[in-house]
Full PDB file with SEQRES, HELIX, SHEET, SSBOND, CRYST1, ORIGX, SCALE, CONECT and MASTER records, all heavy atoms in Angstrom:
SEQRES   1 A   31  LEU ALA LEU ARG PRO GLN LEU LEU ILE LEU ASP GLU PRO          
SEQRES   2 A   31  VAL SER ALA LEU ASP VAL SER VAL GLY ALA GLN VAL VAL          
SEQRES   3 A   31  ASN LEU LEU ARG ASP                                          
HELIX    1 AA1 VAL A   19  ARG A   30  1                                  12    
CRYST1    1.000    1.000    1.000  90.00  90.00  90.00 P 1           1          
ORIGX1      1.000000  0.000000  0.000000        0.00000                         
ORIGX2      0.000000  1.000000  0.000000        0.00000                         
ORIGX3      0.000000  0.000000  1.000000        0.00000                         
SCALE1      1.000000  0.000000  0.000000        0.00000                         
SCALE2      0.000000  1.000000  0.000000        0.00000                         
SCALE3      0.000000  0.000000  1.000000        0.00000                         
ATOM      1  N   LEU A   1     140.770 121.829  90.998  1.00  0.00           N  
ATOM      2  CA  LEU A   1     140.655 120.379  91.172  1.00  0.00           C  
ATOM      3  C   LEU A   1     142.003 119.664  91.150  1.00  0.00           C  
ATOM      4  O   LEU A   1     142.063 118.464  91.472  1.00  0.00           O  
ATOM      5  CB  LEU A   1     139.775 119.789  90.066  1.00  0.00           C  
ATOM      6  CG  LEU A   1     138.287 120.140  90.095  1.00  0.00           C  
ATOM      7  CD1 LEU A   1     137.607 119.582  88.861  1.00  0.00           C  
ATOM      8  CD2 LEU A   1     137.634 119.613  91.359  1.00  0.00           C  
ATOM      9  N   ALA A   2     143.062 120.359  90.789  1.00  0.00           N  
ATOM     10  CA  ALA A   2     144.355 119.706  90.570  1.00  0.00           C  
ATOM     11  C   ALA A   2     144.820 118.894  91.774  1.00  0.00           C  
ATOM     12  O   ALA A   2     145.344 117.788  91.630  1.00  0.00           O  
ATOM     13  CB  ALA A   2     145.408 120.752  90.191  1.00  0.00           C  
ATOM     14  N   LEU A   3     144.625 119.427  92.976  1.00  0.00           N  
ATOM     15  CA  LEU A   3     145.101 118.759  94.188  1.00  0.00           C  
ATOM     16  C   LEU A   3     144.076 117.805  94.787  1.00  0.00           C  
ATOM     17  O   LEU A   3     144.256 117.311  95.890  1.00  0.00           O  
ATOM     18  CB  LEU A   3     145.505 119.809  95.227  1.00  0.00           C  
ATOM     19  CG  LEU A   3     146.673 120.709  94.817  1.00  0.00           C  
ATOM     20  CD1 LEU A   3     146.871 121.824  95.825  1.00  0.00           C  
ATOM     21  CD2 LEU A   3     147.956 119.891  94.656  1.00  0.00           C  
ATOM     22  N   ARG A   4     142.979 117.576  94.061  1.00  0.00           N  
ATOM     23  CA  ARG A   4     141.897 116.709  94.524  1.00  0.00           C  
ATOM     24  C   ARG A   4     141.418 117.125  95.923  1.00  0.00           C  
ATOM     25  O   ARG A   4     141.447 116.325  96.873  1.00  0.00           O  
ATOM     26  CB  ARG A   4     142.348 115.246  94.526  1.00  0.00           C  
ATOM     27  CG  ARG A   4     142.531 114.667  93.127  1.00  0.00           C  
ATOM     28  CD  ARG A   4     141.153 114.554  92.448  1.00  0.00           C  
ATOM     29  NE  ARG A   4     141.261 113.983  91.096  1.00  0.00           N  
ATOM     30  CZ  ARG A   4     141.231 114.693  89.969  1.00  0.00           C  
ATOM     31  NH1 ARG A   4     141.107 116.008  90.028  1.00  0.00           N  
ATOM     32  NH2 ARG A   4     141.319 114.121  88.787  1.00  0.00           N  
ATOM     33  N   PRO A   5     140.948 118.361  96.058  1.00  0.00           N  
ATOM     34  CA  PRO A   5     140.493 118.835  97.365  1.00  0.00           C  
ATOM     35  C   PRO A   5     139.177 118.176  97.769  1.00  0.00           C  
ATOM     36  O   PRO A   5     138.459 117.618  96.934  1.00  0.00           O  
ATOM     37  CB  PRO A   5     140.297 120.335  97.133  1.00  0.00           C  
ATOM     38  CG  PRO A   5     139.934 120.430  95.689  1.00  0.00           C  
ATOM     39  CD  PRO A   5     140.756 119.369  95.001  1.00  0.00           C  
ATOM     40  N   GLN A   6     138.862 118.272  99.052  1.00  0.00           N  
ATOM     41  CA  GLN A   6     137.559 117.818  99.528  1.00  0.00           C  
ATOM     42  C   GLN A   6     136.498 118.900  99.347  1.00  0.00           C  
ATOM     43  O   GLN A   6     135.328 118.598  99.172  1.00  0.00           O  
ATOM     44  CB  GLN A   6     137.640 117.462 101.024  1.00  0.00           C  
ATOM     45  CG  GLN A   6     138.539 116.287 101.349  1.00  0.00           C  
ATOM     46  CD  GLN A   6     138.543 115.996 102.841  1.00  0.00           C  
ATOM     47  OE1 GLN A   6     137.543 116.161 103.522  1.00  0.00           O  
ATOM     48  NE2 GLN A   6     139.685 115.562 103.342  1.00  0.00           N  
ATOM     49  N   LEU A   7     136.936 120.162  99.415  1.00  0.00           N  
ATOM     50  CA  LEU A   7     136.006 121.288  99.456  1.00  0.00           C  
ATOM     51  C   LEU A   7     136.368 122.332  98.406  1.00  0.00           C  
ATOM     52  O   LEU A   7     137.530 122.735  98.304  1.00  0.00           O  
ATOM     53  CB  LEU A   7     136.051 121.934 100.849  1.00  0.00           C  
ATOM     54  CG  LEU A   7     135.325 123.274 101.039  1.00  0.00           C  
ATOM     55  CD1 LEU A   7     133.807 123.093 100.905  1.00  0.00           C  
ATOM     56  CD2 LEU A   7     135.670 123.876 102.393  1.00  0.00           C  
ATOM     57  N   LEU A   8     135.366 122.774  97.635  1.00  0.00           N  
ATOM     58  CA  LEU A   8     135.512 123.934  96.768  1.00  0.00           C  
ATOM     59  C   LEU A   8     134.657 125.054  97.331  1.00  0.00           C  
ATOM     60  O   LEU A   8     133.473 124.852  97.643  1.00  0.00           O  
ATOM     61  CB  LEU A   8     135.068 123.636  95.340  1.00  0.00           C  
ATOM     62  CG  LEU A   8     135.925 122.711  94.482  1.00  0.00           C  
ATOM     63  CD1 LEU A   8     135.435 122.737  93.034  1.00  0.00           C  
ATOM     64  CD2 LEU A   8     137.398 123.075  94.542  1.00  0.00           C  
ATOM     65  N   ILE A   9     135.251 126.241  97.465  1.00  0.00           N  
ATOM     66  CA  ILE A   9     134.517 127.425  97.872  1.00  0.00           C  
ATOM     67  C   ILE A   9     134.299 128.259  96.619  1.00  0.00           C  
ATOM     68  O   ILE A   9     135.233 128.823  96.052  1.00  0.00           O  
ATOM     69  CB  ILE A   9     135.269 128.203  98.964  1.00  0.00           C  
ATOM     70  CG1 ILE A   9     135.358 127.332 100.220  1.00  0.00           C  
ATOM     71  CG2 ILE A   9     134.572 129.526  99.263  1.00  0.00           C  
ATOM     72  CD1 ILE A   9     136.029 127.987 101.396  1.00  0.00           C  
ATOM     73  N   LEU A  10     133.060 128.288  96.167  1.00  0.00           N  
ATOM     74  CA  LEU A  10     132.681 128.879  94.886  1.00  0.00           C  
ATOM     75  C   LEU A  10     132.024 130.232  95.154  1.00  0.00           C  
ATOM     76  O   LEU A  10     130.871 130.297  95.580  1.00  0.00           O  
ATOM     77  CB  LEU A  10     131.728 127.944  94.152  1.00  0.00           C  
ATOM     78  CG  LEU A  10     132.274 126.530  93.902  1.00  0.00           C  
ATOM     79  CD1 LEU A  10     131.161 125.503  93.911  1.00  0.00           C  
ATOM     80  CD2 LEU A  10     133.053 126.468  92.608  1.00  0.00           C  
ATOM     81  N   ASP A  11     132.773 131.298  94.902  1.00  0.00           N  
ATOM     82  CA  ASP A  11     132.301 132.646  95.217  1.00  0.00           C  
ATOM     83  C   ASP A  11     131.735 133.306  93.966  1.00  0.00           C  
ATOM     84  O   ASP A  11     132.474 133.809  93.130  1.00  0.00           O  
ATOM     85  CB  ASP A  11     133.457 133.483  95.796  1.00  0.00           C  
ATOM     86  CG  ASP A  11     132.970 134.793  96.405  1.00  0.00           C  
ATOM     87  OD1 ASP A  11     131.770 135.112  96.283  1.00  0.00           O  
ATOM     88  OD2 ASP A  11     133.796 135.512  96.995  1.00  0.00           O  
ATOM     89  N   GLU A  12     130.417 133.257  93.811  1.00  0.00           N  
ATOM     90  CA  GLU A  12     129.724 133.821  92.647  1.00  0.00           C  
ATOM     91  C   GLU A  12     130.368 133.335  91.339  1.00  0.00           C  
ATOM     92  O   GLU A  12     130.707 134.133  90.469  1.00  0.00           O  
ATOM     93  CB  GLU A  12     129.750 135.354  92.705  1.00  0.00           C  
ATOM     94  CG  GLU A  12     129.098 135.961  93.936  1.00  0.00           C  
ATOM     95  CD  GLU A  12     127.600 136.176  93.773  1.00  0.00           C  
ATOM     96  OE1 GLU A  12     127.033 135.669  92.796  1.00  0.00           O  
ATOM     97  OE2 GLU A  12     127.012 136.845  94.633  1.00  0.00           O  
ATOM     98  N   PRO A  13     130.541 132.040  91.148  1.00  0.00           N  
ATOM     99  CA  PRO A  13     131.341 131.554  90.017  1.00  0.00           C  
ATOM    100  C   PRO A  13     130.724 131.764  88.647  1.00  0.00           C  
ATOM    101  O   PRO A  13     131.417 131.615  87.638  1.00  0.00           O  
ATOM    102  CB  PRO A  13     131.492 130.059  90.321  1.00  0.00           C  
ATOM    103  CG  PRO A  13     130.264 129.722  91.096  1.00  0.00           C  
ATOM    104  CD  PRO A  13     129.998 130.929  91.946  1.00  0.00           C  
ATOM    105  N   VAL A  14     129.415 132.083  88.572  1.00  0.00           N  
ATOM    106  CA  VAL A  14     128.786 132.264  87.257  1.00  0.00           C  
ATOM    107  C   VAL A  14     128.185 133.656  87.085  1.00  0.00           C  
ATOM    108  O   VAL A  14     127.589 133.937  86.047  1.00  0.00           O  
ATOM    109  CB  VAL A  14     127.703 131.192  87.006  1.00  0.00           C  
ATOM    110  CG1 VAL A  14     128.318 129.794  87.024  1.00  0.00           C  
ATOM    111  CG2 VAL A  14     126.577 131.283  88.012  1.00  0.00           C  
ATOM    112  N   SER A  15     128.337 134.535  88.060  1.00  0.00           N  
ATOM    113  CA  SER A  15     127.674 135.840  87.980  1.00  0.00           C  
ATOM    114  C   SER A  15     128.254 136.728  86.886  1.00  0.00           C  
ATOM    115  O   SER A  15     127.574 137.627  86.396  1.00  0.00           O  
ATOM    116  CB  SER A  15     127.741 136.562  89.332  1.00  0.00           C  
ATOM    117  OG  SER A  15     129.080 136.843  89.675  1.00  0.00           O  
ATOM    118  N   ALA A  16     129.510 136.483  86.473  1.00  0.00           N  
ATOM    119  CA  ALA A  16     130.128 137.290  85.427  1.00  0.00           C  
ATOM    120  C   ALA A  16     129.913 136.694  84.035  1.00  0.00           C  
ATOM    121  O   ALA A  16     130.409 137.236  83.046  1.00  0.00           O  
ATOM    122  CB  ALA A  16     131.635 137.439  85.701  1.00  0.00           C  
ATOM    123  N   LEU A  17     129.150 135.599  83.953  1.00  0.00           N  
ATOM    124  CA  LEU A  17     128.954 134.902  82.685  1.00  0.00           C  
ATOM    125  C   LEU A  17     127.539 135.112  82.154  1.00  0.00           C  
ATOM    126  O   LEU A  17     126.614 135.411  82.903  1.00  0.00           O  
ATOM    127  CB  LEU A  17     129.197 133.395  82.877  1.00  0.00           C  
ATOM    128  CG  LEU A  17     130.534 132.978  83.502  1.00  0.00           C  
ATOM    129  CD1 LEU A  17     130.572 131.469  83.676  1.00  0.00           C  
ATOM    130  CD2 LEU A  17     131.707 133.462  82.664  1.00  0.00           C  
ATOM    131  N   ASP A  18     127.386 134.945  80.845  1.00  0.00           N  
ATOM    132  CA  ASP A  18     126.049 134.933  80.261  1.00  0.00           C  
ATOM    133  C   ASP A  18     125.224 133.811  80.891  1.00  0.00           C  
ATOM    134  O   ASP A  18     125.765 132.798  81.343  1.00  0.00           O  
ATOM    135  CB  ASP A  18     126.129 134.709  78.746  1.00  0.00           C  
ATOM    136  CG  ASP A  18     126.751 135.894  78.015  1.00  0.00           C  
ATOM    137  OD1 ASP A  18     126.772 136.984  78.602  1.00  0.00           O  
ATOM    138  OD2 ASP A  18     127.214 135.701  76.883  1.00  0.00           O  
ATOM    139  N   VAL A  19     123.907 133.974  80.879  1.00  0.00           N  
ATOM    140  CA  VAL A  19     123.029 133.021  81.555  1.00  0.00           C  
ATOM    141  C   VAL A  19     123.223 131.602  81.024  1.00  0.00           C  
ATOM    142  O   VAL A  19     123.355 130.648  81.797  1.00  0.00           O  
ATOM    143  CB  VAL A  19     121.560 133.461  81.409  1.00  0.00           C  
ATOM    144  CG1 VAL A  19     120.625 132.365  81.933  1.00  0.00           C  
ATOM    145  CG2 VAL A  19     121.310 134.759  82.168  1.00  0.00           C  
ATOM    146  N   SER A  20     123.261 131.434  79.710  1.00  0.00           N  
ATOM    147  CA  SER A  20     123.370 130.085  79.146  1.00  0.00           C  
ATOM    148  C   SER A  20     124.731 129.466  79.453  1.00  0.00           C  
ATOM    149  O   SER A  20     124.831 128.274  79.759  1.00  0.00           O  
ATOM    150  CB  SER A  20     123.140 130.116  77.633  1.00  0.00           C  
ATOM    151  OG  SER A  20     124.093 130.939  76.997  1.00  0.00           O  
ATOM    152  N   VAL A  21     125.790 130.278  79.398  1.00  0.00           N  
ATOM    153  CA  VAL A  21     127.131 129.794  79.715  1.00  0.00           C  
ATOM    154  C   VAL A  21     127.224 129.450  81.197  1.00  0.00           C  
ATOM    155  O   VAL A  21     127.791 128.415  81.586  1.00  0.00           O  
ATOM    156  CB  VAL A  21     128.196 130.841  79.330  1.00  0.00           C  
ATOM    157  CG1 VAL A  21     129.585 130.385  79.776  1.00  0.00           C  
ATOM    158  CG2 VAL A  21     128.177 131.090  77.835  1.00  0.00           C  
ATOM    159  N   GLY A  22     126.645 130.302  82.029  1.00  0.00           N  
ATOM    160  CA  GLY A  22     126.628 130.032  83.458  1.00  0.00           C  
ATOM    161  C   GLY A  22     125.903 128.740  83.782  1.00  0.00           C  
ATOM    162  O   GLY A  22     126.319 127.974  84.657  1.00  0.00           O  
ATOM    163  N   ALA A  23     124.819 128.467  83.056  1.00  0.00           N  
ATOM    164  CA  ALA A  23     124.073 127.232  83.272  1.00  0.00           C  
ATOM    165  C   ALA A  23     124.924 126.012  82.943  1.00  0.00           C  
ATOM    166  O   ALA A  23     124.875 124.992  83.654  1.00  0.00           O  
ATOM    167  CB  ALA A  23     122.810 127.241  82.414  1.00  0.00           C  
ATOM    168  N   GLN A  24     125.729 126.090  81.900  1.00  0.00           N  
ATOM    169  CA  GLN A  24     126.612 124.984  81.541  1.00  0.00           C  
ATOM    170  C   GLN A  24     127.665 124.756  82.623  1.00  0.00           C  
ATOM    171  O   GLN A  24     127.994 123.607  82.956  1.00  0.00           O  
ATOM    172  CB  GLN A  24     127.280 125.271  80.197  1.00  0.00           C  
ATOM    173  CG  GLN A  24     126.315 125.263  79.029  1.00  0.00           C  
ATOM    174  CD  GLN A  24     126.953 125.751  77.739  1.00  0.00           C  
ATOM    175  OE1 GLN A  24     128.174 125.902  77.674  1.00  0.00           O  
ATOM    176  NE2 GLN A  24     126.147 125.999  76.732  1.00  0.00           N  
ATOM    177  N   VAL A  25     128.197 125.838  83.188  1.00  0.00           N  
ATOM    178  CA  VAL A  25     129.198 125.714  84.255  1.00  0.00           C  
ATOM    179  C   VAL A  25     128.570 125.101  85.506  1.00  0.00           C  
ATOM    180  O   VAL A  25     129.172 124.244  86.170  1.00  0.00           O  
ATOM    181  CB  VAL A  25     129.829 127.083  84.572  1.00  0.00           C  
ATOM    182  CG1 VAL A  25     130.709 127.007  85.821  1.00  0.00           C  
ATOM    183  CG2 VAL A  25     130.654 127.575  83.385  1.00  0.00           C  
ATOM    184  N   VAL A  26     127.337 125.495  85.831  1.00  0.00           N  
ATOM    185  CA  VAL A  26     126.647 124.922  86.986  1.00  0.00           C  
ATOM    186  C   VAL A  26     126.429 123.428  86.797  1.00  0.00           C  
ATOM    187  O   VAL A  26     126.646 122.619  87.717  1.00  0.00           O  
ATOM    188  CB  VAL A  26     125.305 125.647  87.220  1.00  0.00           C  
ATOM    189  CG1 VAL A  26     124.433 124.874  88.208  1.00  0.00           C  
ATOM    190  CG2 VAL A  26     125.556 127.055  87.752  1.00  0.00           C  
ATOM    191  N   ASN A  27     126.026 123.022  85.614  1.00  0.00           N  
ATOM    192  CA  ASN A  27     125.846 121.585  85.347  1.00  0.00           C  
ATOM    193  C   ASN A  27     127.172 120.838  85.418  1.00  0.00           C  
ATOM    194  O   ASN A  27     127.227 119.690  85.875  1.00  0.00           O  
ATOM    195  CB  ASN A  27     125.193 121.386  83.984  1.00  0.00           C  
ATOM    196  CG  ASN A  27     123.690 121.585  84.039  1.00  0.00           C  
ATOM    197  OD1 ASN A  27     123.037 121.196  84.998  1.00  0.00           O  
ATOM    198  ND2 ASN A  27     123.140 122.204  83.015  1.00  0.00           N  
ATOM    199  N   LEU A  28     128.247 121.479  84.961  1.00  0.00           N  
ATOM    200  CA  LEU A  28     129.582 120.880  85.093  1.00  0.00           C  
ATOM    201  C   LEU A  28     129.920 120.659  86.566  1.00  0.00           C  
ATOM    202  O   LEU A  28     130.433 119.594  86.942  1.00  0.00           O  
ATOM    203  CB  LEU A  28     130.624 121.791  84.439  1.00  0.00           C  
ATOM    204  CG  LEU A  28     132.089 121.417  84.700  1.00  0.00           C  
ATOM    205  CD1 LEU A  28     132.423 120.060  84.071  1.00  0.00           C  
ATOM    206  CD2 LEU A  28     133.022 122.505  84.161  1.00  0.00           C  
ATOM    207  N   LEU A  29     129.626 121.652  87.406  1.00  0.00           N  
ATOM    208  CA  LEU A  29     129.916 121.525  88.835  1.00  0.00           C  
ATOM    209  C   LEU A  29     129.145 120.355  89.445  1.00  0.00           C  
ATOM    210  O   LEU A  29     129.668 119.622  90.294  1.00  0.00           O  
ATOM    211  CB  LEU A  29     129.577 122.824  89.555  1.00  0.00           C  
ATOM    212  CG  LEU A  29     130.498 124.010  89.254  1.00  0.00           C  
ATOM    213  CD1 LEU A  29     129.919 125.301  89.823  1.00  0.00           C  
ATOM    214  CD2 LEU A  29     131.896 123.764  89.822  1.00  0.00           C  
ATOM    215  N   ARG A  30     127.902 120.161  89.025  1.00  0.00           N  
ATOM    216  CA  ARG A  30     127.117 119.028  89.536  1.00  0.00           C  
ATOM    217  C   ARG A  30     127.741 117.704  89.114  1.00  0.00           C  
ATOM    218  O   ARG A  30     127.834 116.758  89.911  1.00  0.00           O  
ATOM    219  CB  ARG A  30     125.676 119.101  89.028  1.00  0.00           C  
ATOM    220  CG  ARG A  30     124.874 120.256  89.583  1.00  0.00           C  
ATOM    221  CD  ARG A  30     123.391 120.053  89.384  1.00  0.00           C  
ATOM    222  NE  ARG A  30     122.870 119.070  90.336  1.00  0.00           N  
ATOM    223  CZ  ARG A  30     121.579 118.810  90.495  1.00  0.00           C  
ATOM    224  NH1 ARG A  30     120.670 119.433  89.751  1.00  0.00           N  
ATOM    225  NH2 ARG A  30     121.173 117.925  91.371  1.00  0.00           N  
ATOM    226  N   ASP A  31     128.186 117.624  87.869  1.00  0.00           N  
ATOM    227  CA  ASP A  31     128.804 116.392  87.385  1.00  0.00           C  
ATOM    228  C   ASP A  31     130.098 116.093  88.144  1.00  0.00           C  
ATOM    229  O   ASP A  31     130.368 114.945  88.518  1.00  0.00           O  
ATOM    230  CB  ASP A  31     129.103 116.499  85.889  1.00  0.00           C  
ATOM    231  CG  ASP A  31     127.846 116.527  85.039  1.00  0.00           C  
ATOM    232  OD1 ASP A  31     126.773 116.151  85.553  1.00  0.00           O  
ATOM    233  OD2 ASP A  31     127.934 116.959  83.874  1.00  0.00           O  
TER     234      ASP A  31                                                      
MASTER        0    0    0    1    0    0    0    6  233    1    0    3          
END                                                                             
């Protein structure tokens, strides 16, 4: 986010995380 891009390409960004932690990251992405 540092350069304030228009587009993020998210390649399996939560697949390496525990389910509950991944859910928090997904909600962060929505926010």
